[in-house]
Amino acid sequence: MKRLPHPLSPESGVAPLENYVDPTFSATVIAWQKQHGRHALPWQNTRDAYLIWLSEIMLQQTQVAAVLAYYARFLTRFPTLRELAQAPVEDVMAQWSGLGYYTRARNLHKCAQRVLAEYDGVFPSDPALLAELPGIGRSTAAAISAFSSGTRAAIMDGNVKRVFARVFGIDAYPGEKRVEEAMWRRAEALLPETGIESYTQGLMDLGATLCTRSSPDCGRCPLQSRCVAWATGRTKELPVRKPKKTSPEKHAVMLVIVDQGQVLLQQRPGAGIWGGLLSLPELDGHVLADDAMPRLIDQPALLRAVAPFGEIETQELLLPIVHVFTHYKLHIVPCRITLSRHHQLVAEAGHVWLDGAKVADAPLPAPVKKLLLGLLGDARAAQRSMF
């Protein structure tokens, strides 16, 4: 079989588009998908762009297994785009809580509002128009358009990059601009004339079920015979990993102020980490730290922070919690505080007292929700044992 040239070959820099054309590639993927691919996911077997769009946004950087339950609950609460667009953003964040990457939820809400206002609630079929909407990039736009309208458009998500890097032996980091551009050129050249839905799903399925990041199942892969990584024993090396950078360490002292079964929460700003979610008040914010050890709490600062809400009766430093973000590691030092006097009116804007029984359904970051459920659950259990 004639091997296609490397997209970054020194002879040509970036190979001409015609060098990438290979109809047998798409035919192999389509045939495999029809027989062995996934066909029963809840967002499949439909042309409803709303259902497809929602799944594509949820699946960004998130595994299918984690998305399934959220997808079902989200549609129960927002069965149509109009209901999503007209809902308060707080309701959207609450349904998204725990799924992570919360910018997706904010963009989801903005996108629904844009589609309702600009397209009368109907997603455009043109990938270029879709890509202009909040939270929809080039690859997601192509997937939505392909599945909802049969548009012939190329995708290039993480799964596809991994398949291409191995099959075509791309010996460079796929996130590098020049490499990514070459991969997009190849993806466009390999598009089939027909069967775009099966082809697009097939690439996704190959990356998700066979050509996985670790322990790829090469023996069942329909592309094994043409795979450069398999032929050269480099499946563990490809795709080339991103050059490592030392992740900064940050810390935050979070105040768990509890009183009569309620906990004090603060709404975070719309932008940034955990944007728009409720969280615990922070004494220091996310501050760069030299180590993971909790610092001594500045007592005057603590008193000033708590004063608008009541008078401190007890305070206790709890064991630190480590939460890893994409760009840094956060060491959370919880400080549990009980009040001797609870001010009925919250003096600071953006704060709310929440009943402990409602924590599970509140729009909270995952580590904060886990912390509160553990603390408040223990408190309720202890209270029950007294009777």
Protein backbone atom coordinates (compact mmCIF):
# COMPACT_ATOMS: atom_id res chain seq x y z
CA MET A 1 0.00 0.00 0.00
CA LYS A 2 1.23 3.47 -0.83
CA ARG A 3 1.98 5.38 2.36
CA LEU A 4 0.71 8.93 2.50
CA PRO A 5 3.45 11.51 3.10
CA HIS A 6 4.01 12.92 6.55
CA PRO A 7 2.17 16.25 6.84
CA LEU A 8 5.32 17.94 8.10
CA SER A 9 7.84 16.27 5.81
CA PRO A 10 11.04 18.32 5.47
CA GLU A 11 10.79 18.17 1.70
CA SER A 12 7.52 20.08 1.50
CA GLY A 13 6.86 21.65 4.90
CA VAL A 14 3.10 21.08 4.67
CA ALA A 15 2.08 18.53 2.07
CA PRO A 16 -0.27 19.58 -0.77
CA LEU A 17 -3.93 18.86 -0.09
CA GLU A 18 -4.19 16.30 -2.91
CA ASN A 19 -1.53 14.15 -1.23
CA TYR A 20 -3.93 13.48 1.62
CA VAL A 21 -6.83 12.19 -0.49
CA ASP A 22 -7.58 8.51 0.17
CA PRO A 23 -11.21 7.34 -0.28
CA THR A 24 -10.40 3.93 1.21
CA PHE A 25 -9.77 5.55 4.60
CA SER A 26 -13.30 6.90 5.01
CA ALA A 27 -14.81 3.74 3.52
CA THR A 28 -13.01 1.64 6.15
CA VAL A 29 -14.16 3.91 8.99
CA ILE A 30 -17.77 3.95 7.77
CA ALA A 31 -17.96 0.18 7.36
CA TRP A 32 -16.50 -0.37 10.82
CA GLN A 33 -18.84 2.14 12.46
CA LYS A 34 -21.94 0.60 10.94
CA GLN A 35 -21.02 -2.82 12.29
CA HIS A 36 -19.10 -2.10 15.50
CA GLY A 37 -19.67 1.54 16.42
CA ARG A 38 -21.98 3.05 19.01
CA HIS A 39 -25.61 3.38 17.92
CA ALA A 40 -27.69 3.63 21.10
CA LEU A 41 -26.46 6.78 22.83
CA PRO A 42 -29.39 9.05 23.79
CA TRP A 43 -28.33 11.81 21.39
CA GLN A 44 -28.01 9.49 18.39
CA ASN A 45 -30.64 8.53 15.82
CA THR A 46 -32.02 12.06 15.71
CA ARG A 47 -31.74 15.16 13.53
CA ASP A 48 -32.77 17.43 16.41
CA ALA A 49 -29.96 19.99 16.53
CA TYR A 50 -30.82 20.95 20.13
CA LEU A 51 -30.24 17.41 21.39
CA ILE A 52 -27.07 17.04 19.32
CA TRP A 53 -25.68 20.45 20.33
CA LEU A 54 -26.27 19.77 24.03
CA SER A 55 -24.45 16.43 23.83
CA GLU A 56 -21.51 17.90 21.93
CA ILE A 57 -21.02 20.67 24.50
CA MET A 58 -21.27 18.25 27.42
CA LEU A 59 -18.82 15.86 25.76
CA GLN A 60 -16.13 18.51 25.42
CA GLN A 61 -13.29 17.24 27.63
CA THR A 62 -15.71 14.87 29.39
CA GLN A 63 -16.22 11.12 29.01
CA VAL A 64 -19.52 9.68 27.77
CA ALA A 65 -20.07 7.75 31.01
CA ALA A 66 -19.95 10.98 33.02
CA VAL A 67 -22.26 12.83 30.62
CA LEU A 68 -25.14 10.34 30.41
CA ALA A 69 -26.81 11.13 33.74
CA TYR A 70 -26.32 14.89 33.37
CA TYR A 71 -27.72 14.83 29.85
CA ALA A 72 -30.92 13.11 30.98
CA ARG A 73 -31.44 15.43 33.96
CA PHE A 74 -30.69 18.52 31.90
CA LEU A 75 -33.30 17.61 29.29
CA THR A 76 -35.85 16.88 31.98
CA ARG A 77 -35.37 20.41 33.27
CA PHE A 78 -34.88 22.08 29.85
CA PRO A 79 -36.63 19.92 27.24
CA THR A 80 -36.46 22.64 24.56
CA LEU A 81 -34.05 25.35 23.54
CA ARG A 82 -36.63 28.01 24.33
CA GLU A 83 -37.00 26.80 27.91
CA LEU A 84 -33.24 26.78 28.31
CA ALA A 85 -32.86 30.27 26.86
CA GLN A 86 -35.58 31.72 29.07
CA ALA A 87 -34.40 30.08 32.29
CA PRO A 88 -32.33 31.98 34.87
CA VAL A 89 -28.62 31.28 34.46
CA GLU A 90 -28.57 30.13 38.11
CA ASP A 91 -30.89 27.24 37.19
CA VAL A 92 -28.59 26.26 34.34
CA MET A 93 -25.53 26.31 36.59
CA ALA A 94 -27.35 24.20 39.18
CA GLN A 95 -28.08 21.49 36.59
CA TRP A 96 -24.44 21.62 35.43
CA SER A 97 -22.95 21.51 38.92
CA GLY A 98 -20.38 18.73 39.20
CA LEU A 99 -19.81 18.29 35.47
CA GLY A 100 -16.89 20.74 35.50
CA TYR A 101 -15.55 23.31 33.03
CA TYR A 102 -18.32 25.71 33.99
CA THR A 103 -17.62 28.15 31.18
CA ARG A 104 -19.41 25.58 29.01
CA ALA A 105 -22.62 26.05 31.00
CA ARG A 106 -22.50 29.85 30.79
CA ASN A 107 -21.81 29.69 27.05
CA LEU A 108 -24.58 27.10 26.66
CA HIS A 109 -27.08 29.54 28.12
CA LYS A 110 -25.77 32.45 26.01
CA CYS A 111 -25.84 30.30 22.89
CA ALA A 112 -29.46 29.27 23.47
CA GLN A 113 -30.41 32.92 23.86
CA ARG A 114 -28.57 33.86 20.66
CA VAL A 115 -30.18 31.06 18.64
CA LEU A 116 -33.61 32.06 19.95
CA ALA A 117 -33.05 35.76 19.19
CA GLU A 118 -31.19 35.51 15.88
CA TYR A 119 -32.47 32.27 14.33
CA ASP A 120 -35.95 31.98 15.86
CA GLY A 121 -34.84 29.00 17.93
CA VAL A 122 -33.53 26.94 15.00
CA PHE A 123 -29.81 26.19 14.79
CA PRO A 124 -28.26 27.18 11.44
CA SER A 125 -26.94 24.28 9.38
CA ASP A 126 -23.88 26.19 8.12
CA PRO A 127 -20.84 25.22 10.26
CA ALA A 128 -19.38 28.70 9.78
CA LEU A 129 -22.46 30.28 11.37
CA LEU A 130 -22.53 27.69 14.15
CA ALA A 131 -18.88 28.39 14.97
CA GLU A 132 -19.76 32.05 15.63
CA LEU A 133 -22.07 31.09 18.51
CA PRO A 134 -20.82 31.03 22.14
CA GLY A 135 -19.05 27.83 23.14
CA ILE A 136 -19.07 26.28 19.64
CA GLY A 137 -15.70 25.96 17.98
CA ARG A 138 -14.81 24.71 14.53
CA SER A 139 -14.89 21.01 15.34
CA THR A 140 -18.07 21.14 17.43
CA ALA A 141 -19.80 23.17 14.71
CA ALA A 142 -18.87 20.54 12.13
CA ALA A 143 -20.17 17.70 14.31
CA ILE A 144 -23.49 19.44 15.02
CA SER A 145 -23.98 20.24 11.34
CA ALA A 146 -22.99 16.76 10.17
CA PHE A 147 -25.33 14.95 12.56
CA SER A 148 -28.28 17.33 12.27
CA SER A 149 -28.08 18.27 8.58
CA GLY A 150 -25.71 15.81 6.91
CA THR A 151 -23.25 18.61 6.11
CA ARG A 152 -19.91 17.47 4.75
CA ALA A 153 -17.58 19.03 7.31
CA ALA A 154 -14.44 17.84 9.12
CA ILE A 155 -14.09 17.41 12.87
CA MET A 156 -10.85 17.53 14.83
CA ASP A 157 -11.44 16.82 18.52
CA GLY A 158 -9.03 15.12 20.89
CA ASN A 159 -10.07 11.62 19.83
CA VAL A 160 -9.58 12.37 16.14
CA LYS A 161 -6.19 13.98 16.76
CA ARG A 162 -5.08 10.82 18.54
CA VAL A 163 -6.30 8.56 15.72
CA PHE A 164 -4.64 10.70 13.06
CA ALA A 165 -1.38 11.06 15.00
CA ARG A 166 -1.04 7.28 15.28
CA VAL A 167 -2.38 6.19 11.91
CA PHE A 168 -0.35 8.75 9.95
CA GLY A 169 2.69 8.81 12.22
CA ILE A 170 2.55 12.52 13.04
CA ASP A 171 5.67 12.96 15.12
CA ALA A 172 4.90 16.39 16.57
CA TYR A 173 2.67 17.86 19.27
CA PRO A 174 -0.87 18.17 17.78
CA GLY A 175 -1.51 21.37 19.70
CA GLU A 176 1.24 23.21 17.83
CA LYS A 177 -0.37 25.56 15.33
CA ARG A 178 1.48 24.32 12.24
CA VAL A 179 0.80 20.68 13.14
CA GLU A 180 -2.87 21.32 13.84
CA GLU A 181 -3.31 23.15 10.53
CA ALA A 182 -1.81 20.19 8.69
CA MET A 183 -4.13 17.80 10.51
CA TRP A 184 -7.14 19.94 9.55
CA ARG A 185 -6.02 19.83 5.90
CA ARG A 186 -5.80 16.06 6.06
CA ALA A 187 -9.19 15.81 7.78
CA GLU A 188 -10.85 17.87 5.05
CA ALA A 189 -9.19 15.89 2.27
CA LEU A 190 -10.31 12.57 3.77
CA LEU A 191 -14.00 13.51 3.99
CA PRO A 192 -16.25 11.01 2.18
CA GLU A 193 -18.68 12.12 -0.51
CA THR A 194 -21.50 10.25 1.26
CA GLY A 195 -22.07 8.77 4.71
CA ILE A 196 -20.73 11.76 6.64
CA GLU A 197 -22.75 10.87 9.75
CA SER A 198 -21.30 7.34 10.02
CA TYR A 199 -17.83 8.61 9.18
CA THR A 200 -17.91 11.38 11.81
CA GLN A 201 -19.32 9.05 14.45
CA GLY A 202 -16.83 6.38 13.43
CA LEU A 203 -13.84 8.64 14.06
CA MET A 204 -15.26 9.54 17.46
CA ASP A 205 -15.95 5.90 18.30
CA LEU A 206 -12.48 4.73 17.24
CA GLY A 207 -10.82 7.26 19.49
CA ALA A 208 -13.15 6.61 22.41
CA THR A 209 -13.30 2.80 22.34
CA LEU A 210 -10.23 1.40 20.50
CA CYS A 211 -7.56 4.03 19.90
CA THR A 212 -7.61 5.12 23.53
CA ARG A 213 -4.93 7.17 25.23
CA SER A 214 -3.62 4.19 27.20
CA SER A 215 -3.91 0.50 26.31
CA PRO A 216 -5.27 0.94 22.74
CA ASP A 217 -6.99 -2.15 21.37
CA CYS A 218 -4.99 -2.29 18.15
CA GLY A 219 -5.97 -5.89 17.41
CA ARG A 220 -9.58 -4.85 16.72
CA CYS A 221 -8.81 -1.58 14.95
CA PRO A 222 -9.88 -1.48 11.29
CA LEU A 223 -7.03 0.94 10.55
CA GLN A 224 -4.28 -1.28 11.93
CA SER A 225 -2.91 -2.26 8.52
CA ARG A 226 -2.23 1.38 7.63
CA CYS A 227 -1.24 2.59 11.11
CA VAL A 228 2.30 3.98 11.29
CA ALA A 229 2.36 3.87 15.10
CA TRP A 230 1.44 0.16 15.07
CA ALA A 231 3.98 -0.69 12.37
CA THR A 232 6.79 1.10 14.19
CA GLY A 233 5.85 0.13 17.75
CA ARG A 234 5.12 3.70 18.78
CA THR A 235 1.52 3.60 19.99
CA LYS A 236 2.65 4.67 23.47
CA GLU A 237 4.67 7.59 22.10
CA LEU A 238 2.05 9.01 19.75
CA PRO A 239 0.45 11.44 19.84
CA VAL A 240 3.38 13.48 21.10
CA ARG A 241 2.51 14.88 24.49
CA LYS A 242 2.43 18.56 25.29
CA PRO A 243 5.73 19.79 26.73
CA LYS A 244 5.35 19.73 30.49
CA LYS A 245 5.21 22.90 32.51
CA THR A 246 5.30 23.08 36.26
CA SER A 247 1.78 23.72 37.51
CA PRO A 248 1.67 26.54 40.04
CA GLU A 249 0.45 25.76 43.54
CA LYS A 250 -2.26 27.98 44.98
CA HIS A 251 -4.19 27.95 48.22
CA ALA A 252 -7.44 29.34 49.54
CA VAL A 253 -8.77 29.50 53.08
CA MET A 254 -12.49 28.77 52.75
CA LEU A 255 -14.84 29.75 55.55
CA VAL A 256 -17.47 27.13 56.38
CA ILE A 257 -19.76 29.35 58.45
CA VAL A 258 -22.61 27.25 59.79
CA ASP A 259 -25.51 28.15 62.03
CA GLN A 260 -28.71 26.30 62.86
CA GLY A 261 -28.36 23.86 59.97
CA GLN A 262 -27.53 26.56 57.43
CA VAL A 263 -24.27 27.39 55.70
CA LEU A 264 -23.18 30.77 54.34
CA LEU A 265 -22.45 30.84 50.62
CA GLN A 266 -21.17 33.51 48.28
CA GLN A 267 -21.85 33.83 44.55
CA ARG A 268 -18.63 33.97 42.57
CA PRO A 269 -18.12 36.47 39.73
CA GLY A 270 -19.44 35.46 36.31
CA ALA A 271 -15.95 35.10 34.83
CA GLY A 272 -13.04 33.00 36.04
CA ILE A 273 -12.79 29.79 38.02
CA TRP A 274 -16.22 28.51 39.10
CA GLY A 275 -17.76 31.60 37.53
CA GLY A 276 -21.39 32.15 38.50
CA LEU A 277 -21.51 29.29 41.01
CA LEU A 278 -22.17 29.52 44.70
CA SER A 279 -19.14 28.76 46.84
CA LEU A 280 -17.76 29.28 50.31
CA PRO A 281 -16.42 32.73 51.24
CA GLU A 282 -12.65 32.84 50.92
CA LEU A 283 -10.32 34.61 53.31
CA ASP A 284 -7.42 34.85 50.90
CA GLY A 285 -8.76 33.93 47.49
CA HIS A 286 -6.75 31.66 45.17
CA VAL A 287 -3.26 32.86 46.16
CA LEU A 288 0.06 31.49 44.96
CA ALA A 289 1.66 29.37 47.65
CA ASP A 290 5.14 27.93 48.11
CA ASP A 291 3.85 24.69 49.61
CA ALA A 292 0.68 22.81 50.41
CA MET A 293 0.76 23.39 54.17
CA PRO A 294 -2.01 25.52 55.64
CA ARG A 295 -0.90 28.89 56.91
CA LEU A 296 -1.87 30.34 60.25
CA ILE A 297 -5.10 32.24 59.78
CA ASP A 298 -4.91 35.99 60.22
CA GLN A 299 -7.29 36.31 63.17
CA PRO A 300 -8.15 40.01 62.70
CA ALA A 301 -8.87 39.35 59.02
CA LEU A 302 -11.07 36.40 59.98
CA LEU A 303 -13.05 38.49 62.45
CA ARG A 304 -13.58 41.21 59.83
CA ALA A 305 -14.74 38.65 57.26
CA VAL A 306 -17.28 37.04 59.61
CA ALA A 307 -18.52 40.22 61.35
CA PRO A 308 -21.25 41.10 58.79
CA PHE A 309 -22.88 37.70 59.34
CA GLY A 310 -22.55 37.09 63.06
CA GLU A 311 -20.19 36.62 66.01
CA ILE A 312 -17.76 33.70 66.13
CA GLU A 313 -18.41 31.07 68.78
CA THR A 314 -15.96 28.37 67.65
CA GLN A 315 -13.48 27.97 64.82
CA GLU A 316 -11.59 24.90 63.64
CA LEU A 317 -9.11 24.32 60.83
CA LEU A 318 -10.03 21.16 58.91
CA LEU A 319 -7.80 18.91 56.82
CA PRO A 320 -6.76 20.51 53.51
CA ILE A 321 -8.37 19.43 50.24
CA VAL A 322 -6.46 19.34 46.96
CA HIS A 323 -8.30 20.14 43.72
CA VAL A 324 -6.49 20.03 40.37
CA PHE A 325 -7.45 22.48 37.64
CA THR A 326 -6.08 22.48 34.11
CA HIS A 327 -3.53 25.21 34.84
CA TYR A 328 -2.87 24.96 38.57
CA LYS A 329 -3.36 22.94 41.72
CA LEU A 330 -5.51 24.42 44.47
CA HIS A 331 -5.03 23.55 48.13
CA ILE A 332 -8.25 24.35 49.98
CA VAL A 333 -7.93 24.91 53.73
CA PRO A 334 -11.45 24.78 55.21
CA CYS A 335 -12.10 26.66 58.44
CA ARG A 336 -15.33 25.60 60.13
CA ILE A 337 -16.97 28.39 62.12
CA THR A 338 -20.04 28.34 64.33
CA LEU A 339 -21.77 31.52 65.42
CA SER A 340 -22.91 32.65 68.84
CA ARG A 341 -25.07 35.29 67.20
CA HIS A 342 -26.50 35.12 63.69
CA HIS A 343 -27.31 38.40 61.96
CA GLN A 344 -30.63 37.89 60.21
CA LEU A 345 -29.88 40.25 57.34
CA VAL A 346 -26.81 39.53 55.23
CA ALA A 347 -24.89 42.77 55.08
CA GLU A 348 -22.76 41.84 52.09
CA ALA A 349 -24.21 41.58 48.57
CA GLY A 350 -23.98 38.23 46.85
CA HIS A 351 -24.19 36.14 50.03
CA VAL A 352 -26.95 33.74 51.02
CA TRP A 353 -27.72 31.37 53.87
CA LEU A 354 -28.55 27.92 52.47
CA ASP A 355 -30.27 25.14 54.35
CA GLY A 356 -27.99 22.11 54.63
CA ALA A 357 -30.66 19.86 53.11
CA LYS A 358 -30.45 21.83 49.87
CA VAL A 359 -26.69 21.56 49.39
CA ALA A 360 -26.93 18.49 47.15
CA ASP A 361 -28.98 20.39 44.55
CA ALA A 362 -27.19 23.75 44.81
CA PRO A 363 -24.93 25.08 42.02
CA LEU A 364 -21.67 24.44 43.86
CA PRO A 365 -18.19 23.47 42.63
CA ALA A 366 -17.62 19.73 43.04
CA PRO A 367 -14.98 19.93 45.83
CA VAL A 368 -17.07 22.43 47.81
CA LYS A 369 -20.22 20.32 47.48
CA LYS A 370 -18.32 17.21 48.57
CA LEU A 371 -16.88 19.05 51.57
CA LEU A 372 -20.26 20.41 52.68
CA LEU A 373 -22.11 17.14 52.20
CA GLY A 374 -19.52 15.44 54.39
CA LEU A 375 -19.63 18.08 57.12
CA LEU A 376 -23.36 18.69 57.17
CA GLY A 377 -24.12 15.01 56.76
CA ASP A 378 -21.99 14.20 59.81
CA ALA A 379 -23.71 16.97 61.75
CA ARG A 380 -27.18 15.68 60.91
CA ALA A 381 -26.16 12.12 61.79
CA ALA A 382 -24.78 13.27 65.14
CA GLN A 383 -27.96 15.22 65.87
CA ARG A 384 -30.14 12.18 65.10
CA SER A 385 -28.07 9.99 67.42
CA MET A 386 -28.97 12.23 70.39
CA PHE A 387 -32.65 11.21 70.27
